[in-house]
């Protein structure tokens, strides 16, 4: 059973780098382009951890984290902030 990660970042380069680092190590990586997309992707997913950027369009990382924490299912999911 692999570990599932949701990575949310508006930078395609950062999303690609996260996937290139984690997928070969056996992680199941799902990607989202910003906070709004992240909430949409999260709806059908139960990630073991979330990696998010802070500065993103439509919904920034703080708003995304707040949206994740309002959901009982994801209240305890670890969130790592990775921002440049």
N, C-alpha and C. Protein backbone atom coordinates (compact mmCIF):
# COMPACT_ATOMS: atom_id res chain seq x y z
N UNK A 1 0.84 -1.18 0.00
CA UNK A 1 0.00 0.00 0.00
C UNK A 1 0.88 1.24 0.00
N UNK A 2 0.67 2.11 -0.97
CA UNK A 2 1.52 3.29 -1.07
C UNK A 2 0.93 4.47 -0.27
N UNK A 3 1.78 5.40 0.03
CA UNK A 3 1.39 6.62 0.73
C UNK A 3 0.89 7.62 -0.31
N UNK A 4 -0.27 8.21 -0.04
CA UNK A 4 -0.88 9.15 -0.98
C UNK A 4 -0.60 10.58 -0.54
N UNK A 5 -0.11 11.38 -1.48
CA UNK A 5 0.23 12.78 -1.23
C UNK A 5 -0.57 13.66 -2.18
N UNK A 6 -1.11 14.76 -1.66
CA UNK A 6 -1.70 15.80 -2.49
C UNK A 6 -0.78 16.99 -2.46
N UNK A 7 -0.30 17.41 -3.63
CA UNK A 7 0.58 18.58 -3.74
C UNK A 7 -0.19 19.69 -4.44
N UNK A 8 -0.27 20.86 -3.80
CA UNK A 8 -1.02 22.00 -4.32
C UNK A 8 -0.04 23.16 -4.53
N UNK A 9 0.15 23.54 -5.78
CA UNK A 9 1.08 24.62 -6.11
C UNK A 9 0.72 25.19 -7.47
N UNK A 10 0.74 26.51 -7.60
CA UNK A 10 0.40 27.12 -8.89
C UNK A 10 1.55 27.04 -9.88
N UNK A 11 2.73 26.70 -9.42
CA UNK A 11 3.88 26.58 -10.30
C UNK A 11 3.95 25.16 -10.88
N UNK A 12 3.85 25.08 -12.19
CA UNK A 12 3.94 23.76 -12.83
C UNK A 12 5.30 23.12 -12.55
N UNK A 13 6.34 23.94 -12.53
CA UNK A 13 7.68 23.44 -12.25
C UNK A 13 7.75 22.78 -10.88
N UNK A 14 7.17 23.44 -9.87
CA UNK A 14 7.19 22.86 -8.52
C UNK A 14 6.36 21.58 -8.46
N UNK A 15 5.20 21.57 -9.10
CA UNK A 15 4.38 20.35 -9.12
C UNK A 15 5.15 19.21 -9.78
N UNK A 16 5.80 19.50 -10.90
CA UNK A 16 6.57 18.48 -11.60
C UNK A 16 7.73 17.98 -10.74
N UNK A 17 8.41 18.89 -10.05
CA UNK A 17 9.54 18.49 -9.19
C UNK A 17 9.08 17.61 -8.03
N UNK A 18 7.95 17.97 -7.43
CA UNK A 18 7.42 17.16 -6.33
C UNK A 18 7.09 15.77 -6.83
N UNK A 19 6.40 15.70 -7.97
CA UNK A 19 6.05 14.39 -8.53
C UNK A 19 7.32 13.59 -8.87
N UNK A 20 8.29 14.24 -9.52
CA UNK A 20 9.52 13.54 -9.93
C UNK A 20 10.30 13.02 -8.73
N UNK A 21 10.22 13.70 -7.59
CA UNK A 21 10.93 13.24 -6.39
C UNK A 21 10.18 12.14 -5.65
N UNK A 22 8.87 12.26 -5.57
CA UNK A 22 8.10 11.34 -4.73
C UNK A 22 7.62 10.08 -5.44
N UNK A 23 7.21 10.20 -6.70
CA UNK A 23 6.65 9.04 -7.41
C UNK A 23 7.65 7.88 -7.52
N UNK A 24 8.91 8.13 -7.89
CA UNK A 24 9.85 7.01 -7.97
C UNK A 24 10.12 6.34 -6.61
N UNK A 25 9.85 7.07 -5.53
CA UNK A 25 10.04 6.51 -4.20
C UNK A 25 8.81 5.72 -3.74
N UNK A 26 7.80 5.61 -4.62
CA UNK A 26 6.64 4.80 -4.31
C UNK A 26 5.42 5.55 -3.81
N UNK A 27 5.50 6.87 -3.75
CA UNK A 27 4.35 7.66 -3.31
C UNK A 27 3.34 7.80 -4.44
N UNK A 28 2.08 7.80 -4.09
CA UNK A 28 0.99 8.06 -5.03
C UNK A 28 0.72 9.56 -4.97
N UNK A 29 1.15 10.30 -5.98
CA UNK A 29 1.11 11.77 -5.96
C UNK A 29 -0.05 12.29 -6.79
N UNK A 30 -0.87 13.14 -6.17
CA UNK A 30 -1.95 13.83 -6.86
C UNK A 30 -1.63 15.32 -6.82
N UNK A 31 -1.95 16.02 -7.91
CA UNK A 31 -1.56 17.42 -8.04
C UNK A 31 -2.77 18.32 -8.22
N UNK A 32 -2.65 19.57 -7.73
CA UNK A 32 -3.66 20.59 -7.91
C UNK A 32 -2.97 21.92 -8.18
N UNK A 33 -3.60 22.76 -9.00
CA UNK A 33 -3.00 24.00 -9.48
C UNK A 33 -3.15 25.19 -8.55
N UNK A 34 -4.09 25.17 -7.64
CA UNK A 34 -4.28 26.23 -6.66
C UNK A 34 -5.21 25.72 -5.57
N UNK A 35 -5.55 26.56 -4.60
CA UNK A 35 -6.37 26.12 -3.49
C UNK A 35 -7.75 25.64 -3.89
N UNK A 36 -8.38 26.33 -4.83
CA UNK A 36 -9.72 25.92 -5.29
C UNK A 36 -9.65 24.53 -5.91
N UNK A 37 -8.68 24.34 -6.79
CA UNK A 37 -8.51 23.03 -7.42
C UNK A 37 -8.13 21.98 -6.37
N UNK A 38 -7.34 22.38 -5.39
CA UNK A 38 -6.95 21.47 -4.32
C UNK A 38 -8.15 20.95 -3.55
N UNK A 39 -9.11 21.82 -3.23
CA UNK A 39 -10.32 21.41 -2.53
C UNK A 39 -11.13 20.46 -3.41
N UNK A 40 -11.18 20.74 -4.71
CA UNK A 40 -11.89 19.86 -5.64
C UNK A 40 -11.26 18.47 -5.70
N UNK A 41 -9.94 18.42 -5.81
CA UNK A 41 -9.23 17.14 -5.87
C UNK A 41 -9.38 16.39 -4.54
N UNK A 42 -9.32 17.12 -3.46
CA UNK A 42 -9.41 16.52 -2.12
C UNK A 42 -10.76 15.84 -1.90
N UNK A 43 -11.79 16.32 -2.58
CA UNK A 43 -13.14 15.78 -2.41
C UNK A 43 -13.20 14.28 -2.67
N UNK A 44 -12.42 13.79 -3.61
CA UNK A 44 -12.46 12.36 -3.93
C UNK A 44 -11.21 11.62 -3.48
N UNK A 45 -10.51 12.15 -2.51
CA UNK A 45 -9.20 11.62 -2.14
C UNK A 45 -9.06 11.57 -0.62
N UNK A 46 -8.27 10.64 -0.14
CA UNK A 46 -7.93 10.57 1.29
C UNK A 46 -6.41 10.54 1.41
N UNK A 47 -5.76 11.69 1.24
CA UNK A 47 -4.29 11.69 1.27
C UNK A 47 -3.75 11.44 2.67
N UNK A 48 -2.56 10.86 2.70
CA UNK A 48 -1.87 10.66 3.97
C UNK A 48 -1.20 11.95 4.42
N UNK A 49 -0.89 12.82 3.46
CA UNK A 49 -0.29 14.12 3.74
C UNK A 49 -0.56 15.06 2.58
N UNK A 50 -0.49 16.36 2.87
CA UNK A 50 -0.71 17.40 1.87
C UNK A 50 0.50 18.33 1.87
N UNK A 51 0.96 18.68 0.68
CA UNK A 51 2.01 19.69 0.52
C UNK A 51 1.37 20.86 -0.20
N UNK A 52 1.49 22.07 0.36
CA UNK A 52 0.87 23.22 -0.28
C UNK A 52 1.80 24.43 -0.32
N UNK A 53 1.63 25.19 -1.36
CA UNK A 53 2.27 26.50 -1.51
C UNK A 53 1.40 27.50 -0.73
N UNK A 54 1.91 28.70 -0.51
CA UNK A 54 1.12 29.75 0.14
C UNK A 54 0.59 30.74 -0.89
N UNK A 55 1.46 31.28 -1.73
CA UNK A 55 1.05 32.31 -2.70
C UNK A 55 0.53 31.67 -3.97
N UNK A 56 -0.81 31.64 -4.09
CA UNK A 56 -1.47 31.05 -5.27
C UNK A 56 -2.68 31.90 -5.62
N UNK A 57 -3.09 31.87 -6.90
CA UNK A 57 -4.29 32.61 -7.30
C UNK A 57 -5.57 31.89 -6.83
N UNK A 58 -6.67 32.56 -6.95
CA UNK A 58 -8.02 32.08 -6.60
C UNK A 58 -8.17 31.78 -5.12
N UNK A 59 -7.36 30.89 -4.57
CA UNK A 59 -7.36 30.61 -3.13
C UNK A 59 -5.93 30.33 -2.72
N UNK A 60 -5.42 31.14 -1.79
CA UNK A 60 -4.03 30.94 -1.37
C UNK A 60 -3.91 29.76 -0.41
N UNK A 61 -2.70 29.48 -0.01
CA UNK A 61 -2.45 28.33 0.85
C UNK A 61 -3.12 28.43 2.21
N UNK A 62 -3.22 29.65 2.77
CA UNK A 62 -3.89 29.82 4.06
C UNK A 62 -5.37 29.48 3.94
N UNK A 63 -6.00 29.97 2.88
CA UNK A 63 -7.41 29.66 2.64
C UNK A 63 -7.62 28.18 2.39
N UNK A 64 -6.68 27.57 1.66
CA UNK A 64 -6.76 26.13 1.40
C UNK A 64 -6.65 25.33 2.69
N UNK A 65 -5.71 25.69 3.53
CA UNK A 65 -5.55 24.99 4.81
C UNK A 65 -6.81 25.14 5.66
N UNK A 66 -7.37 26.34 5.70
CA UNK A 66 -8.63 26.55 6.44
C UNK A 66 -9.74 25.66 5.88
N UNK A 67 -9.84 25.57 4.54
CA UNK A 67 -10.88 24.74 3.91
C UNK A 67 -10.67 23.27 4.23
N UNK A 68 -9.43 22.82 4.27
CA UNK A 68 -9.13 21.42 4.62
C UNK A 68 -9.52 21.15 6.06
N UNK A 69 -9.17 22.05 6.95
CA UNK A 69 -9.41 21.84 8.38
C UNK A 69 -10.89 21.90 8.76
N UNK A 70 -11.74 22.48 7.93
CA UNK A 70 -13.17 22.50 8.23
C UNK A 70 -13.83 21.16 7.92
N UNK A 71 -13.14 20.30 7.21
CA UNK A 71 -13.68 18.98 6.87
C UNK A 71 -13.23 17.96 7.92
N UNK A 72 -14.18 17.36 8.59
CA UNK A 72 -13.85 16.38 9.64
C UNK A 72 -12.93 15.29 9.13
N UNK A 73 -13.17 14.84 7.90
CA UNK A 73 -12.38 13.75 7.32
C UNK A 73 -10.89 14.10 7.22
N UNK A 74 -10.59 15.38 7.03
CA UNK A 74 -9.19 15.81 6.81
C UNK A 74 -8.63 16.67 7.93
N UNK A 75 -9.35 16.75 9.03
CA UNK A 75 -8.93 17.63 10.12
C UNK A 75 -7.54 17.29 10.66
N UNK A 76 -7.18 16.01 10.66
CA UNK A 76 -5.90 15.59 11.23
C UNK A 76 -4.85 15.26 10.17
N UNK A 77 -5.16 15.47 8.89
CA UNK A 77 -4.20 15.18 7.84
C UNK A 77 -3.01 16.11 7.96
N UNK A 78 -1.80 15.59 7.99
CA UNK A 78 -0.61 16.45 8.08
C UNK A 78 -0.49 17.34 6.84
N UNK A 79 -0.15 18.61 7.07
CA UNK A 79 0.04 19.56 5.97
C UNK A 79 1.42 20.17 6.08
N UNK A 80 2.18 20.07 5.00
CA UNK A 80 3.51 20.65 4.90
C UNK A 80 3.43 21.85 3.98
N UNK A 81 3.90 23.01 4.44
CA UNK A 81 3.93 24.20 3.59
C UNK A 81 5.30 24.27 2.93
N UNK A 82 5.30 24.29 1.58
CA UNK A 82 6.52 24.38 0.79
C UNK A 82 6.34 25.56 -0.15
N UNK A 83 7.02 26.65 0.13
CA UNK A 83 6.83 27.86 -0.67
C UNK A 83 8.17 28.45 -1.04
N UNK A 84 8.21 29.11 -2.20
CA UNK A 84 9.46 29.70 -2.67
C UNK A 84 9.44 31.20 -2.56
